[in-house]
């Protein structure tokens, strides 16, 4: 998840909260590995959604064993037609058995494929630190970092849903058709 600029953040906060998200449904998929860290992003995203008028009742939560399982569930959820967007949260660390870059690449590529194939936005808070050590300093750092990433992914999700709703609006479609050269 890229950092949001202050211009992006201000445009997110200018969204009409309740009206813009009335009836919208979002799914959040969280990997269970390092759940104490991953849930920081999930919970921060839920709070940010609520702050912008998308209440928790409109957000469905799903858990999978690890990050590798996220794309398949994201695809099933996107194809169900029940969700306007999907958010993925995971922490992929070097476990010493295989290259964690392989897992991360597979997950991110899978999420992009789901998004492009279904036209349902899929946001990622799937993070892969270069160095992660299971000691209190790193655990504390990543818990705090995942809160920030949860807020950012929720803001990106809200903004993307707002743009897609604008594109789907009949008045915008009519204006675009009139602007096209003959």
C-alpha atoms as a PDB file:
ATOM      1  CA  UNK A   1       0.000   0.000   0.000  1.00  0.00           C
ATOM      2  CA  UNK A   2       1.565   3.234  -1.045  1.00  0.00           C
ATOM      3  CA  UNK A   3       1.584   6.239   1.217  1.00  0.00           C
ATOM      4  CA  UNK A   4      -1.238   8.663   0.627  1.00  0.00           C
ATOM      5  CA  UNK A   5      -0.270  12.237  -0.077  1.00  0.00           C
ATOM      6  CA  UNK A   6      -1.861  15.053   1.888  1.00  0.00           C
ATOM      7  CA  UNK A   7      -3.840  15.926  -1.255  1.00  0.00           C
ATOM      8  CA  UNK A   8      -5.230  12.386  -1.360  1.00  0.00           C
ATOM      9  CA  UNK A   9      -6.019  12.418   2.333  1.00  0.00           C
ATOM     10  CA  UNK A  10      -7.852  15.726   2.070  1.00  0.00           C
ATOM     11  CA  UNK A  11      -9.894  14.504  -0.901  1.00  0.00           C
ATOM     12  CA  UNK A  12     -10.884  11.426   1.094  1.00  0.00           C
ATOM     13  CA  UNK A  13     -12.053  13.542   4.011  1.00  0.00           C
ATOM     14  CA  UNK A  14     -14.127  15.650   1.637  1.00  0.00           C
ATOM     15  CA  UNK A  15     -16.238  12.633   0.636  1.00  0.00           C
ATOM     16  CA  UNK A  16     -19.868  12.939   1.648  1.00  0.00           C
ATOM     17  CA  UNK A  17     -19.763  10.365   4.443  1.00  0.00           C
ATOM     18  CA  UNK A  18     -23.181   8.815   4.824  1.00  0.00           C
ATOM     19  CA  UNK A  19     -24.618   9.523   1.377  1.00  0.00           C
ATOM     20  CA  UNK A  20     -21.499   8.389  -0.472  1.00  0.00           C
ATOM     21  CA  UNK A  21     -21.401   5.005   1.249  1.00  0.00           C
ATOM     22  CA  UNK A  22     -25.064   4.243   1.893  1.00  0.00           C
ATOM     23  CA  UNK A  23     -25.588   0.604   0.991  1.00  0.00           C
ATOM     24  CA  UNK A  24     -21.929  -0.016   0.155  1.00  0.00           C
ATOM     25  CA  UNK A  25     -20.529  -3.352   1.309  1.00  0.00           C
ATOM     26  CA  UNK A  26     -16.858  -4.093   1.917  1.00  0.00           C
ATOM     27  CA  UNK A  27     -15.142  -7.363   2.781  1.00  0.00           C
ATOM     28  CA  UNK A  28     -11.941  -7.437   4.811  1.00  0.00           C
ATOM     29  CA  UNK A  29      -9.876 -10.607   4.565  1.00  0.00           C
ATOM     30  CA  UNK A  30      -7.208 -11.057   7.251  1.00  0.00           C
ATOM     31  CA  UNK A  31      -4.475 -13.666   7.447  1.00  0.00           C
ATOM     32  CA  UNK A  32      -4.297 -15.448  10.794  1.00  0.00           C
ATOM     33  CA  UNK A  33      -0.488 -15.575  10.913  1.00  0.00           C
ATOM     34  CA  UNK A  34       0.709 -12.792  13.215  1.00  0.00           C
ATOM     35  CA  UNK A  35      -2.920 -12.025  13.985  1.00  0.00           C
ATOM     36  CA  UNK A  36      -1.997  -9.669  16.831  1.00  0.00           C
ATOM     37  CA  UNK A  37      -0.305  -7.435  14.240  1.00  0.00           C
ATOM     38  CA  UNK A  38      -2.608  -8.029  11.247  1.00  0.00           C
ATOM     39  CA  UNK A  39      -5.747  -7.241  13.256  1.00  0.00           C
ATOM     40  CA  UNK A  40      -4.304  -3.794  13.968  1.00  0.00           C
ATOM     41  CA  UNK A  41      -4.763  -2.974  10.270  1.00  0.00           C
ATOM     42  CA  UNK A  42      -8.184  -4.627  10.159  1.00  0.00           C
ATOM     43  CA  UNK A  43      -9.441  -2.782  13.237  1.00  0.00           C
ATOM     44  CA  UNK A  44      -7.988   0.565  12.101  1.00  0.00           C
ATOM     45  CA  UNK A  45      -9.663   0.114   8.707  1.00  0.00           C
ATOM     46  CA  UNK A  46     -12.992  -0.644  10.399  1.00  0.00           C
ATOM     47  CA  UNK A  47     -12.691   2.491  12.530  1.00  0.00           C
ATOM     48  CA  UNK A  48     -11.751   4.620   9.509  1.00  0.00           C
ATOM     49  CA  UNK A  49     -14.658   3.249   7.488  1.00  0.00           C
ATOM     50  CA  UNK A  50     -17.010   4.046  10.368  1.00  0.00           C
ATOM     51  CA  UNK A  51     -15.537   7.545  10.707  1.00  0.00           C
ATOM     52  CA  UNK A  52     -16.434   8.186   7.058  1.00  0.00           C
ATOM     53  CA  UNK A  53     -19.974   6.822   7.250  1.00  0.00           C
ATOM     54  CA  UNK A  54     -19.466   3.152   6.375  1.00  0.00           C
ATOM     55  CA  UNK A  55     -20.650   1.427   9.568  1.00  0.00           C
ATOM     56  CA  UNK A  56     -19.276  -1.924  10.774  1.00  0.00           C
ATOM     57  CA  UNK A  57     -22.572  -3.610   9.817  1.00  0.00           C
ATOM     58  CA  UNK A  58     -21.646  -2.977   6.160  1.00  0.00           C
ATOM     59  CA  UNK A  59     -18.202  -4.557   6.503  1.00  0.00           C
ATOM     60  CA  UNK A  60     -17.866  -8.347   6.483  1.00  0.00           C
ATOM     61  CA  UNK A  61     -14.815  -9.881   8.158  1.00  0.00           C
ATOM     62  CA  UNK A  62     -13.126 -13.048   6.945  1.00  0.00           C
ATOM     63  CA  UNK A  63     -10.081 -14.887   8.278  1.00  0.00           C
ATOM     64  CA  UNK A  64      -7.838 -17.224   6.307  1.00  0.00           C
ATOM     65  CA  UNK A  65      -4.856 -19.234   7.570  1.00  0.00           C
ATOM     66  CA  UNK A  66      -2.202 -17.183   5.767  1.00  0.00           C
ATOM     67  CA  UNK A  67      -1.635 -14.577   3.089  1.00  0.00           C
ATOM     68  CA  UNK A  68      -1.395 -17.190   0.334  1.00  0.00           C
ATOM     69  CA  UNK A  69      -5.078 -18.056   0.815  1.00  0.00           C
ATOM     70  CA  UNK A  70      -6.315 -14.461   0.431  1.00  0.00           C
ATOM     71  CA  UNK A  71      -6.577 -14.191  -3.400  1.00  0.00           C
ATOM     72  CA  UNK A  72      -8.896 -17.195  -3.817  1.00  0.00           C
ATOM     73  CA  UNK A  73     -11.321 -15.947  -1.166  1.00  0.00           C
ATOM     74  CA  UNK A  74     -11.082 -12.426  -2.632  1.00  0.00           C
ATOM     75  CA  UNK A  75     -12.043 -13.842  -6.024  1.00  0.00           C
ATOM     76  CA  UNK A  76     -15.024 -15.758  -4.610  1.00  0.00           C
ATOM     77  CA  UNK A  77     -16.204 -12.690  -2.694  1.00  0.00           C
ATOM     78  CA  UNK A  78     -15.771 -10.381  -5.702  1.00  0.00           C
ATOM     79  CA  UNK A  79     -17.682 -12.749  -7.970  1.00  0.00           C
ATOM     80  CA  UNK A  80     -20.498 -13.073  -5.433  1.00  0.00           C
ATOM     81  CA  UNK A  81     -21.694  -9.567  -6.324  1.00  0.00           C
ATOM     82  CA  UNK A  82     -22.221  -8.782  -2.632  1.00  0.00           C
ATOM     83  CA  UNK A  83     -19.237  -6.478  -2.139  1.00  0.00           C
ATOM     84  CA  UNK A  84     -18.284  -3.114  -3.612  1.00  0.00           C
ATOM     85  CA  UNK A  85     -14.661  -3.535  -2.536  1.00  0.00           C
ATOM     86  CA  UNK A  86     -12.355  -5.988  -0.805  1.00  0.00           C
ATOM     87  CA  UNK A  87      -9.471  -5.235   1.547  1.00  0.00           C
ATOM     88  CA  UNK A  88      -6.687  -7.736   2.253  1.00  0.00           C
ATOM     89  CA  UNK A  89      -4.542  -7.591   5.411  1.00  0.00           C
ATOM     90  CA  UNK A  90      -1.517  -9.771   6.120  1.00  0.00           C
ATOM     91  CA  UNK A  91       2.054  -9.778   7.350  1.00  0.00           C
ATOM     92  CA  UNK A  92       4.400 -11.965   5.310  1.00  0.00           C
ATOM     93  CA  UNK A  93       7.727 -12.611   7.001  1.00  0.00           C
ATOM     94  CA  UNK A  94      10.803 -14.591   6.123  1.00  0.00           C
ATOM     95  CA  UNK A  95      10.167 -17.888   7.860  1.00  0.00           C
ATOM     96  CA  UNK A  96      13.425 -19.453   6.695  1.00  0.00           C
ATOM     97  CA  UNK A  97      11.732 -22.310   4.797  1.00  0.00           C
ATOM     98  CA  UNK A  98      10.949 -20.507   1.570  1.00  0.00           C
ATOM     99  CA  UNK A  99      11.493 -17.038   0.179  1.00  0.00           C
ATOM    100  CA  UNK A 100       8.845 -14.712   1.545  1.00  0.00           C
ATOM    101  CA  UNK A 101       9.149 -12.617  -1.622  1.00  0.00           C
ATOM    102  CA  UNK A 102       7.593 -15.538  -3.523  1.00  0.00           C
ATOM    103  CA  UNK A 103       4.541 -15.521  -1.278  1.00  0.00           C
ATOM    104  CA  UNK A 104       4.169 -11.763  -1.403  1.00  0.00           C
ATOM    105  CA  UNK A 105       4.480 -11.649  -5.187  1.00  0.00           C
ATOM    106  CA  UNK A 106       1.936 -14.449  -5.583  1.00  0.00           C
ATOM    107  CA  UNK A 107      -0.527 -12.729  -3.243  1.00  0.00           C
ATOM    108  CA  UNK A 108      -0.211  -9.248  -4.750  1.00  0.00           C
ATOM    109  CA  UNK A 109      -0.348 -10.578  -8.318  1.00  0.00           C
ATOM    110  CA  UNK A 110      -3.396 -12.652  -7.360  1.00  0.00           C
ATOM    111  CA  UNK A 111      -5.157  -9.663  -5.824  1.00  0.00           C
ATOM    112  CA  UNK A 112      -4.473  -7.541  -8.912  1.00  0.00           C
ATOM    113  CA  UNK A 113      -5.828 -10.315 -11.126  1.00  0.00           C
ATOM    114  CA  UNK A 114      -8.999 -10.519  -9.034  1.00  0.00           C
ATOM    115  CA  UNK A 115      -9.462  -6.767  -9.293  1.00  0.00           C
ATOM    116  CA  UNK A 116      -8.938  -6.647 -13.055  1.00  0.00           C
ATOM    117  CA  UNK A 117     -10.998  -9.778 -13.792  1.00  0.00           C
ATOM    118  CA  UNK A 118     -13.994  -8.805 -11.657  1.00  0.00           C
ATOM    119  CA  UNK A 119     -13.833  -4.984 -11.712  1.00  0.00           C
ATOM    120  CA  UNK A 120     -14.262  -5.030  -7.927  1.00  0.00           C
ATOM    121  CA  UNK A 121     -11.551  -2.942  -6.245  1.00  0.00           C
ATOM    122  CA  UNK A 122      -9.172  -5.010  -4.143  1.00  0.00           C
ATOM    123  CA  UNK A 123      -7.008  -3.045  -1.724  1.00  0.00           C
ATOM    124  CA  UNK A 124      -3.880  -4.404  -0.116  1.00  0.00           C
ATOM    125  CA  UNK A 125      -2.470  -3.999   3.345  1.00  0.00           C
ATOM    126  CA  UNK A 126      -0.350  -7.112   2.766  1.00  0.00           C
ATOM    127  CA  UNK A 127       3.049  -6.059   4.025  1.00  0.00           C
ATOM    128  CA  UNK A 128       6.418  -7.739   3.768  1.00  0.00           C
ATOM    129  CA  UNK A 129       9.081  -6.229   5.974  1.00  0.00           C
ATOM    130  CA  UNK A 130      12.636  -6.796   4.847  1.00  0.00           C
ATOM    131  CA  UNK A 131      13.608  -7.655   8.390  1.00  0.00           C
ATOM    132  CA  UNK A 132      11.238  -8.931  11.034  1.00  0.00           C
ATOM    133  CA  UNK A 133      12.322 -10.421  14.309  1.00  0.00           C
ATOM    134  CA  UNK A 134       9.896 -11.772  16.856  1.00  0.00           C
ATOM    135  CA  UNK A 135      10.967  -9.543  19.743  1.00  0.00           C
ATOM    136  CA  UNK A 136       9.075  -6.812  21.570  1.00  0.00           C
ATOM    137  CA  UNK A 137      10.626  -3.847  19.716  1.00  0.00           C
ATOM    138  CA  UNK A 138       9.641  -5.194  16.287  1.00  0.00           C
ATOM    139  CA  UNK A 139       6.258  -6.399  17.490  1.00  0.00           C
ATOM    140  CA  UNK A 140       5.460  -2.963  18.902  1.00  0.00           C
ATOM    141  CA  UNK A 141       6.730  -1.194  15.757  1.00  0.00           C
ATOM    142  CA  UNK A 142       4.686  -3.378  13.407  1.00  0.00           C
ATOM    143  CA  UNK A 143       1.527  -3.172  15.533  1.00  0.00           C
ATOM    144  CA  UNK A 144       1.736   0.625  15.308  1.00  0.00           C
ATOM    145  CA  UNK A 145       2.658   0.538  11.628  1.00  0.00           C
ATOM    146  CA  UNK A 146      -0.309  -1.690  10.812  1.00  0.00           C
ATOM    147  CA  UNK A 147      -2.664   0.814  12.441  1.00  0.00           C
ATOM    148  CA  UNK A 148      -1.358   3.454  10.018  1.00  0.00           C
ATOM    149  CA  UNK A 149      -1.675   1.062   7.077  1.00  0.00           C
ATOM    150  CA  UNK A 150      -5.227   0.150   8.105  1.00  0.00           C
ATOM    151  CA  UNK A 151      -6.238   3.815   8.000  1.00  0.00           C
ATOM    152  CA  UNK A 152      -4.507   4.290   4.638  1.00  0.00           C
ATOM    153  CA  UNK A 153      -6.081   1.223   3.035  1.00  0.00           C
ATOM    154  CA  UNK A 154      -9.558   2.267   4.227  1.00  0.00           C
ATOM    155  CA  UNK A 155      -9.064   5.768   2.811  1.00  0.00           C
ATOM    156  CA  UNK A 156      -7.897   4.347  -0.527  1.00  0.00           C
ATOM    157  CA  UNK A 157     -10.886   2.008  -0.562  1.00  0.00           C
ATOM    158  CA  UNK A 158     -13.380   4.791   0.171  1.00  0.00           C
ATOM    159  CA  UNK A 159     -11.869   7.049  -2.461  1.00  0.00           C
ATOM    160  CA  UNK A 160     -11.856   4.289  -5.089  1.00  0.00           C
ATOM    161  CA  UNK A 161     -15.487   3.385  -4.379  1.00  0.00           C
ATOM    162  CA  UNK A 162     -16.433   7.076  -4.672  1.00  0.00           C
ATOM    163  CA  UNK A 163     -14.663   7.389  -8.034  1.00  0.00           C
ATOM    164  CA  UNK A 164     -16.326   4.244  -9.346  1.00  0.00           C
ATOM    165  CA  UNK A 165     -19.750   5.495  -8.267  1.00  0.00           C
ATOM    166  CA  UNK A 166     -19.100   8.784 -10.066  1.00  0.00           C
ATOM    167  CA  UNK A 167     -18.098   6.892 -13.221  1.00  0.00           C
ATOM    168  CA  UNK A 168     -21.284   4.829 -13.006  1.00  0.00           C
ATOM    169  CA  UNK A 169     -23.530   7.857 -12.565  1.00  0.00           C
ATOM    170  CA  UNK A 170     -25.743   8.538 -15.611  1.00  0.00           C
ATOM    171  CA  UNK A 171     -24.935  12.269 -15.652  1.00  0.00           C
ATOM    172  CA  UNK A 172     -21.195  11.615 -15.794  1.00  0.00           C
ATOM    173  CA  UNK A 173     -21.615   8.953 -18.484  1.00  0.00           C
ATOM    174  CA  UNK A 174     -23.741  11.375 -20.542  1.00  0.00           C
ATOM    175  CA  UNK A 175     -21.185  14.182 -20.148  1.00  0.00           C
ATOM    176  CA  UNK A 176     -18.366  11.839 -21.179  1.00  0.00           C
ATOM    177  CA  UNK A 177     -20.279  10.669 -24.264  1.00  0.00           C
ATOM    178  CA  UNK A 178     -20.922  14.276 -25.320  1.00  0.00           C
ATOM    179  CA  UNK A 179     -17.240  15.151 -24.914  1.00  0.00           C
ATOM    180  CA  UNK A 180     -16.045  12.350 -27.233  1.00  0.00           C
ATOM    181  CA  UNK A 181     -15.058  13.475 -30.753  1.00  0.00           C
ATOM    182  CA  UNK A 182     -17.281  12.302 -33.602  1.00  0.00           C
END
